Amino acid sequence: MAAAKGKIVEGGRVILPAAFRKLMGLQKGDTVLIELHGEEVRIRPARSALRRLQEKLRDYAPESGSVADELIAERRQEATKE
């Protein structure tokens, strides 16, 4: 694991070293997730968390069609019964 010395600046901001930002593919304005694990703070790109979640849910997705389209059709059918 790489380590670098950093500082906390005004407003509680942490400066992430440029080398780390480059390795992680982060640019100004990107969203990151910040997690607290005991006395450690972990920062990761939000897109990596989304990708991990999509991989976990992929097994539950239908092989064809759209889950959103199926949900909309079900809701419309339920609405006609009311």
C-alpha atoms as a PDB file:
ATOM      1  CA  MET A   1       0.000   0.000   0.000  1.00  0.00           C
ATOM      2  CA  ALA A   2       1.326   3.422  -0.942  1.00  0.00           C
ATOM      3  CA  ALA A   3       1.568   6.095   1.730  1.00  0.00           C
ATOM      4  CA  ALA A   4       2.153   9.816   1.556  1.00  0.00           C
ATOM      5  CA  LYS A   5       2.306  12.635   4.052  1.00  0.00           C
ATOM      6  CA  GLY A   6      -0.507  15.154   3.835  1.00  0.00           C
ATOM      7  CA  LYS A   7      -2.046  18.041   5.694  1.00  0.00           C
ATOM      8  CA  ILE A   8      -5.441  19.131   6.825  1.00  0.00           C
ATOM      9  CA  VAL A   9      -6.028  22.693   5.687  1.00  0.00           C
ATOM     10  CA  GLU A  10      -8.620  25.374   6.410  1.00  0.00           C
ATOM     11  CA  GLY A  11     -12.167  24.104   6.665  1.00  0.00           C
ATOM     12  CA  GLY A  12     -11.034  20.549   7.497  1.00  0.00           C
ATOM     13  CA  ARG A  13     -10.056  19.853   3.893  1.00  0.00           C
ATOM     14  CA  VAL A  14      -7.517  17.145   3.168  1.00  0.00           C
ATOM     15  CA  ILE A  15      -5.182  17.579   0.230  1.00  0.00           C
ATOM     16  CA  LEU A  16      -4.940  14.320  -1.740  1.00  0.00           C
ATOM     17  CA  PRO A  17      -1.504  14.105  -3.368  1.00  0.00           C
ATOM     18  CA  ALA A  18      -1.486  14.585  -7.146  1.00  0.00           C
ATOM     19  CA  ALA A  19       0.125  11.172  -7.673  1.00  0.00           C
ATOM     20  CA  PHE A  20      -2.761   9.509  -5.833  1.00  0.00           C
ATOM     21  CA  ARG A  21      -5.371  11.480  -7.794  1.00  0.00           C
ATOM     22  CA  LYS A  22      -3.690  10.476 -11.036  1.00  0.00           C
ATOM     23  CA  LEU A  23      -3.507   6.784 -10.090  1.00  0.00           C
ATOM     24  CA  MET A  24      -7.165   6.808  -9.065  1.00  0.00           C
ATOM     25  CA  GLY A  25      -8.250   8.732 -12.171  1.00  0.00           C
ATOM     26  CA  LEU A  26      -9.696  11.545 -10.058  1.00  0.00           C
ATOM     27  CA  GLN A  27     -10.170  15.040 -11.398  1.00  0.00           C
ATOM     28  CA  LYS A  28     -11.485  18.271  -9.920  1.00  0.00           C
ATOM     29  CA  GLY A  29     -15.204  17.959  -9.206  1.00  0.00           C
ATOM     30  CA  ASP A  30     -15.299  14.133  -9.102  1.00  0.00           C
ATOM     31  CA  THR A  31     -17.405  12.560  -6.367  1.00  0.00           C
ATOM     32  CA  VAL A  32     -15.683  10.328  -3.841  1.00  0.00           C
ATOM     33  CA  LEU A  33     -16.933   8.150  -1.017  1.00  0.00           C
ATOM     34  CA  ILE A  34     -15.289   8.693   2.352  1.00  0.00           C
ATOM     35  CA  GLU A  35     -15.543   5.873   4.885  1.00  0.00           C
ATOM     36  CA  LEU A  36     -14.410   5.724   8.474  1.00  0.00           C
ATOM     37  CA  HIS A  37     -12.945   2.371   9.585  1.00  0.00           C
ATOM     38  CA  GLY A  38     -11.801   2.646  13.178  1.00  0.00           C
ATOM     39  CA  GLU A  39      -9.055   5.250  13.074  1.00  0.00           C
ATOM     40  CA  GLU A  40      -8.646   5.041   9.287  1.00  0.00           C
ATOM     41  CA  VAL A  41     -10.301   7.163   6.635  1.00  0.00           C
ATOM     42  CA  ARG A  42     -10.735   5.525   3.233  1.00  0.00           C
ATOM     43  CA  ILE A  43     -11.409   7.539   0.113  1.00  0.00           C
ATOM     44  CA  ARG A  44     -12.496   5.948  -3.150  1.00  0.00           C
ATOM     45  CA  PRO A  45     -14.056   7.155  -6.368  1.00  0.00           C
ATOM     46  CA  ALA A  46     -17.851   6.917  -6.288  1.00  0.00           C
ATOM     47  CA  ARG A  47     -17.758   5.261  -9.701  1.00  0.00           C
ATOM     48  CA  SER A  48     -15.810   2.292  -8.261  1.00  0.00           C
ATOM     49  CA  ALA A  49     -18.460   1.769  -5.579  1.00  0.00           C
ATOM     50  CA  LEU A  50     -21.182   1.942  -8.232  1.00  0.00           C
ATOM     51  CA  ARG A  51     -19.317  -0.554 -10.422  1.00  0.00           C
ATOM     52  CA  ARG A  52     -18.920  -2.953  -7.478  1.00  0.00           C
ATOM     53  CA  LEU A  53     -22.634  -2.718  -6.672  1.00  0.00           C
ATOM     54  CA  GLN A  54     -23.593  -3.298 -10.316  1.00  0.00           C
ATOM     55  CA  GLU A  55     -21.424  -6.435 -10.399  1.00  0.00           C
ATOM     56  CA  LYS A  56     -23.103  -7.791  -7.256  1.00  0.00           C
ATOM     57  CA  LEU A  57     -26.594  -7.154  -8.673  1.00  0.00           C
ATOM     58  CA  ARG A  58     -25.863  -8.408 -12.196  1.00  0.00           C
ATOM     59  CA  ASP A  59     -26.888 -11.977 -11.257  1.00  0.00           C
ATOM     60  CA  TYR A  60     -30.385 -10.741 -10.379  1.00  0.00           C
ATOM     61  CA  ALA A  61     -30.992  -8.820 -13.606  1.00  0.00           C
ATOM     62  CA  PRO A  62     -33.084 -10.397 -16.349  1.00  0.00           C
ATOM     63  CA  GLU A  63     -31.166 -11.706 -19.347  1.00  0.00           C
ATOM     64  CA  SER A  64     -33.209  -9.567 -21.710  1.00  0.00           C
ATOM     65  CA  GLY A  65     -35.468  -6.568 -21.489  1.00  0.00           C
ATOM     66  CA  SER A  66     -35.441  -3.713 -19.051  1.00  0.00           C
ATOM     67  CA  VAL A  67     -36.228  -3.964 -15.351  1.00  0.00           C
ATOM     68  CA  ALA A  68     -37.435  -0.355 -15.443  1.00  0.00           C
ATOM     69  CA  ASP A  69     -39.815  -1.089 -18.334  1.00  0.00           C
ATOM     70  CA  GLU A  70     -41.177  -4.129 -16.502  1.00  0.00           C
ATOM     71  CA  LEU A  71     -41.751  -2.080 -13.339  1.00  0.00           C
ATOM     72  CA  ILE A  72     -43.524   0.689 -15.260  1.00  0.00           C
ATOM     73  CA  ALA A  73     -45.772  -1.866 -16.992  1.00  0.00           C
ATOM     74  CA  GLU A  74     -46.630  -3.482 -13.644  1.00  0.00           C
ATOM     75  CA  ARG A  75     -47.466  -0.109 -12.082  1.00  0.00           C
ATOM     76  CA  ARG A  76     -49.681   0.854 -15.014  1.00  0.00           C
ATOM     77  CA  GLN A  77     -51.503  -2.454 -14.795  1.00  0.00           C
ATOM     78  CA  GLU A  78     -52.035  -1.983 -11.042  1.00  0.00           C
ATOM     79  CA  ALA A  79     -53.299   1.578 -11.638  1.00  0.00           C
ATOM     80  CA  THR A  80     -56.000   0.333 -14.030  1.00  0.00           C
ATOM     81  CA  LYS A  81     -57.299  -1.995 -11.290  1.00  0.00           C
ATOM     82  CA  GLU A  82     -57.849   0.870  -8.846  1.00  0.00           C
END
